[in-house]
Amino acid sequence: MTATVLRLSQTDDVAIALEDVTRGSIAGEVVAVDDVARGHKIALRDLDAGAQVHKYGHVIGVATSAIRAGEHVHTHNLGMPDAAATLASGDASATRAQLPSDLRRTFPGFVRRSGKVATRNYIGVLTTVNCSATVARQVARRTEDEVAALHAEGVDGVVALTHGTGCGMANRGAGWDILRRTLQGYARHPNIGGLVVIGLGCEVNAVNGLMEELGPHDDIPVVPYTIQDAGGTMAAIDHGVSLVREMAGDLRGTARQDVGVEHLVLGLQCGGSDGFSGLTANPALGVASDLLVAAGATSILGETPEVYGAEQMLAARASDPAVGDALLRRIAWWEEYTRSQGTTLDGNPSPGNKAGGITTILEKSLGAVAKGGHSPLAAVCEYAEPAPGPGLVFMDTPGYDPVSVTGMVAGGANVVCFTTGRGSVFGSRPVPTIKLATNSELARRMSGDIDLDCSGVIEEEVPLADMGRRVYDLILDVAGGRRSLSEELGLGGEEMVPWQIGAVL
């Protein structure tokens, strides 16, 4: 019996099983001494305990015991090395994509008075504090059907933008700054065509203070109020419903117009990754990102814990040494931050990641950074900070999907691509989420959630450039109004989750 395996680099110590490998079968150049599940690693040579183990041509861990050629390599015999960050390689070079002559360069978008371009036209009901979240959700629930019925007339819906904080916190420091940046980013997002802001009335994150920082809104109508001033819960709900209906009526007839792809800001996210993520969907998304960047758009790569071990590769692509240094400082901050919380960055791979064949954070990161393609790294920005495009931008976010994407949306992302190998039901209203599958089994099993199956890169030998072009075209289709499956399912109303740092008082 023979089984197909893939060796990614001649210097690699392991190969990836492209199908289930049975003990005793021939797997590439070795005979399997274990059963090895699809997507998992098989040793190509004997390795002593303590030896560094390579995949993608880079260190992904150390052997915690002697490993025989043909043996399954995973959590039982592969661990994190000491001083892992020092083993990160910086041998990646930046390249600018060559744009094909037939590449689409425009899409139909909503153009705001300021010139900002939206991919969707939502009414947002934003809360300053968790205390007003129920009122905001009730306002959205009581109007969502009638507003959704206006989709053909240029109104995409109403979304409650709620969160779990806003009081019991200091009004200064990192946690405060992150919350205010996040709320301001959503309030100013071009995909919001009308905004209702609801507070309780006595919170630390007061409505009047937030509105002062937001400044005048010439693009869209913005109406703030508090539950206490409105006369209580029912009065506040009724007032919000009236405002949403009025805004929806005003937005009727909003038309799209052709604009250049340079107005796109793409959020790059992966979740539920598996052993195929770094081989199919992530590099295909990287190709699409490179095409967009070369055409003048902006791509945001985040999830700082998930570039650990690959940070030197990104830093080596920085357009300016100061940009690379900024990224390395964020990695150092995360090392100290996780240490102070009694954990390490290797705590990131989830049980699902490990079941899918990923063992260490170093291995996960080497696959995750493929989403960023090969474009020069133009800038590094703080969480929820406006992305300083055009170009490939790195945003400091946690790896946790809703927190990470919340920062990207607040930073201006107007379309999100989400790769997954284990499966995801993520959405990100008011921004469309496109989900890309890494393997065909997932694409079949969760066909109602997956917008594009990228497994053909491995399973059908589809050239990576061709799959990347499919991703690029899908991004433009969705940005231009085609609903992603997450939108069809109504997902994305619970995924605004600002990163919380600091004391709860």
Protein backbone atom coordinates (compact mmCIF):
# COMPACT_ATOMS: atom_id res chain seq x y z
CA MET A 1 0.00 0.00 0.00
CA THR A 2 1.12 3.55 -0.69
CA ALA A 3 -0.08 6.90 0.67
CA THR A 4 0.46 10.36 -0.73
CA VAL A 5 2.48 12.76 1.41
CA LEU A 6 3.83 16.23 0.71
CA ARG A 7 7.28 17.49 1.60
CA LEU A 8 7.31 21.29 1.48
CA SER A 9 11.09 21.87 1.58
CA GLN A 10 14.12 19.68 1.01
CA THR A 11 15.33 20.65 4.48
CA ASP A 12 12.11 19.49 6.17
CA ASP A 13 12.16 16.65 8.67
CA VAL A 14 8.46 15.92 8.22
CA ALA A 15 5.94 15.56 5.41
CA ILE A 16 2.20 16.16 5.45
CA ALA A 17 -0.18 13.26 4.90
CA LEU A 18 -2.52 14.21 2.07
CA GLU A 19 -4.66 11.18 2.89
CA ASP A 20 -4.96 8.87 5.86
CA VAL A 21 -1.77 6.84 6.17
CA THR A 22 -2.03 3.25 7.44
CA ARG A 23 0.74 1.66 9.47
CA GLY A 24 2.99 -0.38 7.19
CA SER A 25 2.16 1.55 4.04
CA ILE A 26 4.77 3.37 1.97
CA ALA A 27 4.54 7.10 2.57
CA GLY A 28 6.89 8.92 0.25
CA GLU A 29 10.41 7.76 1.08
CA VAL A 30 9.53 5.99 4.35
CA VAL A 31 7.40 3.16 5.66
CA ALA A 32 4.80 4.33 8.14
CA VAL A 33 5.29 2.88 11.62
CA ASP A 34 2.07 4.55 12.87
CA ASP A 35 -1.34 5.37 11.50
CA VAL A 36 -1.18 9.06 10.50
CA ALA A 37 -4.36 11.03 9.93
CA ARG A 38 -4.85 13.24 6.89
CA GLY A 39 -3.27 16.66 7.45
CA HIS A 40 -0.90 15.37 10.14
CA LYS A 41 2.89 15.01 9.99
CA ILE A 42 5.05 11.93 9.38
CA ALA A 43 8.79 11.85 10.12
CA LEU A 44 11.05 11.55 7.09
CA ARG A 45 14.17 10.65 9.05
CA ASP A 46 15.26 9.49 12.50
CA LEU A 47 15.45 12.38 14.99
CA ASP A 48 17.14 12.39 18.37
CA ALA A 49 15.39 13.74 21.45
CA GLY A 50 16.03 17.49 21.56
CA ALA A 51 16.56 17.79 17.80
CA GLN A 52 14.96 20.72 16.01
CA VAL A 53 12.14 19.70 13.68
CA HIS A 54 11.57 21.57 10.42
CA LYS A 55 8.50 22.15 8.24
CA TYR A 56 8.13 24.87 5.57
CA GLY A 57 11.93 24.98 5.81
CA HIS A 58 11.64 26.48 9.31
CA VAL A 59 11.76 25.26 12.90
CA ILE A 60 8.34 24.23 14.20
CA GLY A 61 9.51 22.65 17.46
CA VAL A 62 11.86 20.16 19.08
CA ALA A 63 11.57 16.42 19.47
CA THR A 64 10.59 15.65 23.08
CA SER A 65 11.66 12.04 22.57
CA ALA A 66 13.49 10.08 19.92
CA ILE A 67 11.45 9.90 16.72
CA ARG A 68 11.81 7.15 14.09
CA ALA A 69 11.42 7.69 10.37
CA GLY A 70 7.80 6.91 9.49
CA GLU A 71 6.49 7.84 12.93
CA HIS A 72 3.55 10.19 13.52
CA VAL A 73 4.87 13.58 14.70
CA HIS A 74 2.49 15.47 16.95
CA THR A 75 1.88 16.58 20.53
CA HIS A 76 3.16 13.31 22.01
CA ASN A 77 6.69 13.82 20.65
CA LEU A 78 6.98 17.45 19.49
CA GLY A 79 7.21 20.46 21.79
CA MET A 80 8.18 24.12 21.87
CA PRO A 81 11.89 25.00 21.97
CA ASP A 82 13.37 27.35 24.54
CA ALA A 83 13.71 30.96 23.38
CA ALA A 84 11.47 30.17 20.41
CA ALA A 85 11.52 33.73 19.05
CA THR A 86 15.28 33.52 18.47
CA LEU A 87 14.73 30.65 16.02
CA ALA A 88 12.43 32.66 13.77
CA SER A 89 13.89 33.02 10.30
CA GLY A 90 14.00 36.25 8.33
CA ASP A 91 14.78 34.95 4.88
CA ALA A 92 11.51 36.04 3.20
CA SER A 93 11.75 38.70 0.52
CA ALA A 94 9.02 41.14 -0.48
CA THR A 95 7.72 41.18 -4.03
CA ARG A 96 5.05 43.22 -5.75
CA ALA A 97 2.50 41.24 -7.74
CA GLN A 98 2.34 41.71 -11.48
CA LEU A 99 -1.23 42.64 -12.41
CA PRO A 100 -2.72 40.57 -15.24
CA SER A 101 -4.05 42.67 -18.11
CA ASP A 102 -7.56 41.25 -17.69
CA LEU A 103 -7.72 41.83 -13.91
CA ARG A 104 -10.89 43.58 -12.75
CA ARG A 105 -9.99 46.94 -11.27
CA THR A 106 -13.41 48.30 -10.24
CA PHE A 107 -16.46 47.27 -8.21
CA PRO A 108 -19.81 48.94 -7.46
CA GLY A 109 -19.70 50.60 -4.04
CA PHE A 110 -21.57 53.21 -2.01
CA VAL A 111 -19.74 56.54 -2.09
CA ARG A 112 -20.20 58.76 0.98
CA ARG A 113 -20.10 62.56 0.87
CA SER A 114 -16.57 62.50 2.26
CA GLY A 115 -15.41 60.27 -0.59
CA LYS A 116 -15.16 57.16 1.60
CA VAL A 117 -16.42 54.01 -0.09
CA ALA A 118 -18.72 51.47 1.56
CA THR A 119 -19.36 47.87 0.57
CA ARG A 120 -22.62 47.77 2.56
CA ASN A 121 -25.21 50.34 3.73
CA TYR A 122 -26.28 49.59 7.30
CA ILE A 123 -27.98 51.50 10.08
CA GLY A 124 -25.95 50.95 13.24
CA VAL A 125 -27.28 50.99 16.80
CA LEU A 126 -24.12 51.54 18.86
CA THR A 127 -23.90 51.25 22.65
CA THR A 128 -21.54 53.07 24.95
CA VAL A 129 -21.95 50.53 27.74
CA ASN A 130 -23.17 46.98 28.30
CA CYS A 131 -26.11 48.40 30.28
CA SER A 132 -27.69 49.67 27.05
CA ALA A 133 -27.02 46.49 25.04
CA THR A 134 -30.48 44.98 25.55
CA VAL A 135 -32.21 48.16 24.41
CA ALA A 136 -30.00 48.31 21.31
CA ARG A 137 -30.71 44.66 20.46
CA GLN A 138 -34.45 45.20 20.91
CA VAL A 139 -34.34 48.21 18.61
CA ALA A 140 -32.58 46.11 15.96
CA ARG A 141 -34.89 43.10 16.39
CA ARG A 142 -38.05 45.20 16.08
CA THR A 143 -36.86 46.84 12.86
CA GLU A 144 -34.65 44.23 11.17
CA ASP A 145 -37.33 42.64 8.99
CA GLU A 146 -38.70 45.87 7.59
CA VAL A 147 -35.22 47.33 7.03
CA ALA A 148 -33.97 44.09 5.42
CA ALA A 149 -36.89 44.34 2.99
CA LEU A 150 -35.25 47.50 1.62
CA HIS A 151 -32.18 45.58 0.40
CA ALA A 152 -33.18 46.03 -3.25
CA GLU A 153 -33.49 49.76 -2.58
CA GLY A 154 -29.94 50.18 -1.28
CA VAL A 155 -30.36 49.52 2.47
CA ASP A 156 -28.64 46.36 3.73
CA GLY A 157 -30.08 46.21 7.24
CA VAL A 158 -29.83 47.33 10.83
CA VAL A 159 -27.22 45.98 13.25
CA ALA A 160 -26.89 46.31 17.02
CA LEU A 161 -23.25 47.15 17.80
CA THR A 162 -23.01 46.08 21.42
CA HIS A 163 -20.18 45.09 23.75
CA GLY A 164 -19.59 43.92 27.31
CA THR A 165 -17.89 46.87 28.95
CA GLY A 166 -18.03 50.70 29.16
CA CYS A 167 -18.24 51.07 32.94
CA GLY A 168 -16.42 49.65 35.95
CA MET A 169 -13.20 50.76 34.25
CA ALA A 170 -10.63 53.54 34.46
CA ASN A 171 -11.14 56.47 32.09
CA ARG A 172 -7.52 56.36 31.01
CA GLY A 173 -4.94 53.74 30.05
CA ALA A 174 -4.71 51.03 27.41
CA GLY A 175 -8.15 49.48 28.04
CA TRP A 176 -9.88 52.84 27.78
CA ASP A 177 -8.00 53.84 24.65
CA ILE A 178 -8.82 50.53 22.94
CA LEU A 179 -12.53 50.78 23.74
CA ARG A 180 -12.82 54.38 22.53
CA ARG A 181 -10.86 53.65 19.33
CA THR A 182 -13.07 50.66 18.64
CA LEU A 183 -16.36 52.51 19.13
CA GLN A 184 -15.14 55.47 17.10
CA GLY A 185 -13.99 53.14 14.34
CA TYR A 186 -17.43 51.53 14.06
CA ALA A 187 -19.21 54.88 14.32
CA ARG A 188 -17.10 56.30 11.49
CA HIS A 189 -17.09 53.14 9.38
CA PRO A 190 -18.20 53.84 5.80
CA ASN A 191 -20.53 50.82 5.90
CA ILE A 192 -22.68 52.68 8.45
CA GLY A 193 -25.15 54.92 6.62
CA GLY A 194 -27.02 56.05 9.73
CA LEU A 195 -26.12 55.79 13.42
CA VAL A 196 -28.09 55.67 16.67
CA VAL A 197 -25.92 55.85 19.83
CA ILE A 198 -27.48 54.60 23.08
CA GLY A 199 -26.09 54.92 26.59
CA LEU A 200 -27.54 54.31 30.04
CA GLY A 201 -26.70 57.76 31.35
CA CYS A 202 -24.31 57.29 34.27
CA GLU A 203 -21.51 55.16 32.77
CA VAL A 204 -17.80 55.97 32.67
CA ASN A 205 -17.87 55.84 28.88
CA ALA A 206 -20.48 58.58 28.67
CA VAL A 207 -22.37 59.36 25.48
CA ASN A 208 -21.46 63.06 25.49
CA GLY A 209 -17.74 62.32 25.83
CA LEU A 210 -17.82 59.81 22.98
CA MET A 211 -19.71 62.23 20.76
CA GLU A 212 -17.23 65.02 21.49
CA GLU A 213 -14.36 62.79 20.39
CA LEU A 214 -16.24 61.73 17.28
CA GLY A 215 -16.72 65.33 16.25
CA PRO A 216 -19.14 66.50 13.56
CA HIS A 217 -20.63 63.86 11.26
CA ASP A 218 -21.23 65.33 7.83
CA ASP A 219 -21.50 61.99 6.04
CA ILE A 220 -24.45 60.41 7.83
CA PRO A 221 -27.18 61.17 10.39
CA VAL A 222 -26.10 60.45 13.98
CA VAL A 223 -28.52 60.62 16.94
CA PRO A 224 -27.33 59.93 20.53
CA TYR A 225 -29.50 59.54 23.63
CA THR A 226 -29.56 57.78 27.03
CA ILE A 227 -32.08 55.38 28.53
CA GLN A 228 -32.34 57.46 31.69
CA ASP A 229 -33.21 60.64 29.74
CA ALA A 230 -35.60 58.76 27.45
CA GLY A 231 -37.69 57.64 30.43
CA GLY A 232 -36.68 54.02 30.84
CA THR A 233 -36.36 50.84 28.84
CA MET A 234 -39.60 50.84 26.83
CA ALA A 235 -39.42 54.53 26.04
CA ALA A 236 -35.78 54.12 24.92
CA ILE A 237 -36.69 51.16 22.69
CA ASP A 238 -39.59 53.04 21.12
CA HIS A 239 -37.39 56.08 20.49
CA GLY A 240 -34.70 53.94 18.87
CA VAL A 241 -37.23 52.15 16.65
CA SER A 242 -38.58 55.50 15.47
CA LEU A 243 -35.08 56.77 14.65
CA VAL A 244 -34.11 53.61 12.73
CA ARG A 245 -37.30 53.74 10.67
CA GLU A 246 -36.71 57.39 9.84
CA MET A 247 -33.07 56.73 8.82
CA ALA A 248 -34.08 53.73 6.73
CA GLY A 249 -36.59 55.86 4.86
CA ASP A 250 -33.93 58.49 4.17
CA LEU A 251 -31.46 55.85 2.89
CA ARG A 252 -33.94 54.32 0.43
CA GLY A 253 -32.73 54.70 -3.11
CA THR A 254 -29.03 54.87 -2.24
CA ALA A 255 -27.28 53.66 -5.38
CA ARG A 256 -23.94 51.97 -5.97
CA GLN A 257 -21.45 53.38 -8.44
CA ASP A 258 -18.29 51.96 -9.97
CA VAL A 259 -15.16 52.76 -7.98
CA GLY A 260 -11.57 51.55 -8.07
CA VAL A 261 -10.37 48.59 -6.02
CA GLU A 262 -8.00 50.96 -4.23
CA HIS A 263 -11.00 51.75 -2.00
CA LEU A 264 -11.02 48.21 -0.60
CA VAL A 265 -9.62 47.48 2.84
CA LEU A 266 -9.34 43.71 3.26
CA GLY A 267 -9.25 42.04 6.66
CA LEU A 268 -7.25 38.78 6.64
CA GLN A 269 -8.40 36.27 9.26
CA CYS A 270 -8.08 32.52 9.89
CA GLY A 271 -9.97 30.43 12.41
CA GLY A 272 -10.31 26.73 13.08
CA SER A 273 -7.07 26.18 11.17
CA ASP A 274 -5.80 22.72 10.23
CA GLY A 275 -2.81 21.09 8.58
CA PHE A 276 -3.99 22.25 5.15
CA SER A 277 -4.47 25.93 6.04
CA GLY A 278 -0.91 26.86 5.17
CA LEU A 279 -1.07 24.89 1.90
CA THR A 280 -4.36 25.94 0.30
CA ALA A 281 -6.66 28.70 1.55
CA ASN A 282 -4.08 30.86 3.33
CA PRO A 283 -1.61 31.13 0.41
CA ALA A 284 -4.52 31.52 -2.06
CA LEU A 285 -5.78 34.43 0.04
CA GLY A 286 -2.20 35.74 0.06
CA VAL A 287 -2.22 35.80 -3.74
CA ALA A 288 -5.50 37.77 -3.74
CA SER A 289 -4.11 40.16 -1.13
CA ASP A 290 -0.99 40.75 -3.22
CA LEU A 291 -3.13 41.56 -6.28
CA LEU A 292 -5.21 44.03 -4.29
CA VAL A 293 -2.16 45.70 -2.77
CA ALA A 294 -0.51 45.99 -6.18
CA ALA A 295 -3.73 47.65 -7.43
CA GLY A 296 -3.58 50.25 -4.65
CA ALA A 297 -5.80 48.66 -1.99
CA THR A 298 -5.07 47.93 1.67
CA SER A 299 -4.83 44.53 3.39
CA ILE A 300 -4.77 44.12 7.16
CA LEU A 301 -2.94 41.13 8.64
CA GLY A 302 -3.41 40.67 12.38
CA GLU A 303 -3.46 37.97 15.09
CA THR A 304 -0.09 38.80 16.63
CA PRO A 305 0.15 35.53 18.62
CA GLU A 306 -0.26 33.71 15.31
CA VAL A 307 2.81 35.23 13.68
CA TYR A 308 5.02 34.15 16.58
CA GLY A 309 7.94 32.27 15.09
CA ALA A 310 7.37 33.87 11.68
CA GLU A 311 7.76 37.49 12.76
CA GLN A 312 11.27 37.79 11.34
CA MET A 313 9.93 36.78 7.93
CA LEU A 314 7.45 39.65 8.07
CA ALA A 315 10.00 42.08 9.49
CA ALA A 316 12.37 41.25 6.66
CA ARG A 317 9.67 42.42 4.23
CA ALA A 318 9.22 45.79 5.94
CA SER A 319 9.40 48.79 3.64
CA ASP A 320 11.31 50.63 6.38
CA PRO A 321 13.44 49.18 9.20
CA ALA A 322 11.33 51.10 11.72
CA VAL A 323 8.26 49.14 10.59
CA GLY A 324 10.03 45.83 11.17
CA ASP A 325 11.21 47.01 14.59
CA ALA A 326 7.65 47.97 15.51
CA LEU A 327 6.45 44.45 14.74
CA LEU A 328 9.22 42.86 16.82
CA ARG A 329 8.35 45.14 19.75
CA ARG A 330 4.77 43.91 19.63
CA ILE A 331 5.98 40.30 19.71
CA ALA A 332 8.14 41.09 22.74
CA TRP A 333 5.12 42.72 24.43
CA TRP A 334 3.04 39.57 23.84
CA GLU A 335 5.78 37.34 25.26
CA GLU A 336 5.77 39.39 28.46
CA TYR A 337 1.98 39.75 28.54
CA THR A 338 1.34 36.00 28.28
CA ARG A 339 4.09 35.32 30.82
CA SER A 340 2.41 37.71 33.28
CA GLN A 341 -0.84 35.79 32.83
CA GLY A 342 0.79 32.45 33.62
CA THR A 343 0.77 31.11 30.08
CA THR A 344 2.81 31.20 26.87
CA LEU A 345 2.10 31.95 23.24
CA ASP A 346 2.10 28.19 22.60
CA GLY A 347 -1.22 28.15 24.44
CA ASN A 348 -2.77 29.53 21.24
CA PRO A 349 -3.31 26.36 19.14
CA SER A 350 -6.80 25.15 20.05
CA PRO A 351 -7.91 21.54 20.48
CA GLY A 352 -9.43 21.80 17.02
CA ASN A 353 -6.15 23.04 15.53
CA LYS A 354 -4.35 20.06 17.07
CA ALA A 355 -6.98 17.60 15.88
CA GLY A 356 -6.42 19.03 12.40
CA GLY A 357 -2.67 18.37 12.52
CA ILE A 358 -1.16 21.59 13.93
CA THR A 359 1.10 20.95 16.91
CA THR A 360 2.85 24.17 18.00
CA ILE A 361 2.27 27.89 17.61
CA LEU A 362 5.43 28.04 15.48
CA GLU A 363 3.86 25.65 12.97
CA LYS A 364 0.54 27.48 13.09
CA SER A 365 2.20 30.85 12.53
CA LEU A 366 4.18 29.72 9.49
CA GLY A 367 0.90 28.77 7.85
CA ALA A 368 -1.01 31.81 9.10
CA VAL A 369 1.37 34.43 7.68
CA ALA A 370 0.75 33.03 4.20
CA LYS A 371 -2.49 35.08 4.24
CA GLY A 372 -0.30 38.17 3.88
CA GLY A 373 1.18 37.00 0.58
CA HIS A 374 4.56 38.47 -0.37
CA SER A 375 3.87 42.22 -0.47
CA PRO A 376 6.14 44.62 1.41
CA LEU A 377 5.01 45.33 4.97
CA ALA A 378 4.06 49.01 4.81
CA ALA A 379 3.02 49.75 8.42
CA VAL A 380 2.30 48.39 11.89
CA CYS A 381 -0.66 49.86 13.77
CA GLU A 382 -2.33 49.51 17.15
CA TYR A 383 -5.54 47.60 17.74
CA ALA A 384 -8.55 49.37 16.14
CA GLU A 385 -6.33 52.17 14.85
CA PRO A 386 -7.25 53.41 11.34
CA ALA A 387 -5.21 51.33 8.89
CA PRO A 388 -2.63 53.62 7.28
CA GLY A 389 -2.95 52.22 3.73
CA PRO A 390 -2.42 51.62 0.96
CA GLY A 391 -0.36 48.44 1.18
CA LEU A 392 -0.03 45.49 3.55
CA VAL A 393 -0.57 46.65 7.13
CA PHE A 394 -0.07 44.66 10.31
CA MET A 395 -2.52 45.35 13.13
CA ASP A 396 -1.76 44.17 16.67
CA THR A 397 -4.72 41.95 17.57
CA PRO A 398 -5.26 38.80 19.61
CA GLY A 399 -5.79 35.59 17.68
CA TYR A 400 -9.33 35.14 19.01
CA ASP A 401 -11.46 35.62 15.90
CA PRO A 402 -14.20 38.04 17.02
CA VAL A 403 -11.74 40.24 18.93
CA SER A 404 -9.30 40.27 16.02
CA VAL A 405 -11.87 41.08 13.34
CA THR A 406 -13.48 43.73 15.57
CA GLY A 407 -10.15 45.57 15.57
CA MET A 408 -9.83 45.26 11.79
CA VAL A 409 -13.36 46.53 11.16
CA ALA A 410 -12.78 49.44 13.53
CA GLY A 411 -9.57 50.09 11.59
CA GLY A 412 -11.52 50.41 8.34
CA ALA A 413 -11.78 46.91 6.84
CA ASN A 414 -14.79 46.90 4.51
CA VAL A 415 -14.55 43.22 3.53
CA VAL A 416 -13.18 40.25 5.51
CA CYS A 417 -11.81 36.94 4.22
CA PHE A 418 -11.84 34.15 6.78
CA THR A 419 -10.01 30.88 6.09
CA THR A 420 -10.95 27.75 8.01
CA GLY A 421 -10.04 24.08 8.05
CA ARG A 422 -12.16 22.83 10.91
CA GLY A 423 -15.24 24.96 10.17
CA SER A 424 -16.56 28.33 11.30
CA VAL A 425 -19.88 30.14 11.60
CA PHE A 426 -18.37 33.61 11.82
CA GLY A 427 -19.87 36.83 10.49
CA SER A 428 -18.91 40.47 10.97
CA ARG A 429 -21.79 42.84 10.26
CA PRO A 430 -21.72 45.60 9.06
CA VAL A 431 -18.84 44.16 6.99
CA PRO A 432 -19.31 41.04 4.82
CA THR A 433 -17.30 37.95 5.72
CA ILE A 434 -16.18 35.53 2.98
CA LYS A 435 -15.28 32.05 4.24
CA LEU A 436 -12.67 29.96 2.46
CA ALA A 437 -12.29 26.22 3.13
CA THR A 438 -8.86 24.61 3.28
CA ASN A 439 -10.07 21.07 2.50
CA SER A 440 -12.86 19.46 0.49
CA GLU A 441 -14.25 17.38 3.37
CA LEU A 442 -15.05 20.57 5.29
CA ALA A 443 -16.42 22.26 2.17
CA ARG A 444 -18.86 19.37 1.69
CA ARG A 445 -19.79 19.00 5.36
CA MET A 446 -20.45 22.73 5.90
CA SER A 447 -21.41 23.70 2.38
CA GLY A 448 -23.97 26.19 3.66
CA ASP A 449 -21.22 28.22 5.35
CA ILE A 450 -18.33 28.01 2.88
CA ASP A 451 -18.14 30.54 0.04
CA LEU A 452 -15.15 28.99 -1.75
CA ASP A 453 -13.38 25.64 -1.49
CA CYS A 454 -9.62 26.16 -1.91
CA SER A 455 -8.70 22.48 -1.56
CA GLY A 456 -8.16 22.19 -5.31
CA VAL A 457 -4.64 23.57 -4.83
CA ILE A 458 -3.68 20.20 -3.35
CA GLU A 459 -6.43 17.81 -4.40
CA GLU A 460 -6.78 18.84 -8.05
CA GLU A 461 -3.38 20.52 -8.63
CA VAL A 462 -5.02 23.86 -9.38
CA PRO A 463 -2.18 26.41 -9.68
CA LEU A 464 -2.03 28.63 -6.61
CA ALA A 465 -2.15 31.72 -8.83
CA ASP A 466 -5.42 30.53 -10.35
CA MET A 467 -7.01 29.84 -6.96
CA GLY A 468 -5.82 33.23 -5.74
CA ARG A 469 -7.48 34.84 -8.73
CA ARG A 470 -10.75 33.08 -7.82
CA VAL A 471 -10.48 34.52 -4.32
CA TYR A 472 -9.76 37.98 -5.75
CA ASP A 473 -12.81 37.86 -8.04
CA LEU A 474 -15.03 36.65 -5.18
CA ILE A 475 -13.84 39.54 -3.00
CA LEU A 476 -14.84 42.02 -5.69
CA ASP A 477 -18.20 40.29 -6.22
CA VAL A 478 -19.03 40.44 -2.51
CA ALA A 479 -17.72 43.98 -2.11
CA GLY A 480 -20.00 44.92 -5.00
CA GLY A 481 -23.15 43.60 -3.35
CA ARG A 482 -23.23 39.81 -3.71
CA ARG A 483 -24.17 38.44 -0.31
CA SER A 484 -21.75 36.02 1.32
CA LEU A 485 -23.21 32.92 2.91
CA SER A 486 -22.67 34.34 6.40
CA GLU A 487 -24.85 37.28 5.37
CA GLU A 488 -27.52 35.00 3.91
CA LEU A 489 -27.58 33.17 7.26
CA GLY A 490 -27.86 36.40 9.24
CA LEU A 491 -24.54 35.87 11.03
CA GLY A 492 -22.44 38.68 12.45
CA GLY A 493 -24.73 40.36 14.96
CA GLU A 494 -22.92 39.06 18.04
CA GLU A 495 -19.30 39.28 16.93
CA MET A 496 -18.38 42.84 17.87
CA VAL A 497 -16.00 42.05 20.76
CA PRO A 498 -13.49 44.80 21.63
CA TRP A 499 -10.21 43.64 23.17
CA GLN A 500 -10.41 44.09 26.93
CA ILE A 501 -7.24 45.02 28.78
CA GLY A 502 -7.04 46.42 32.29
CA ALA A 503 -8.77 46.25 35.63
CA VAL A 504 -12.50 45.73 36.05
CA LEU A 505 -13.30 48.12 38.88
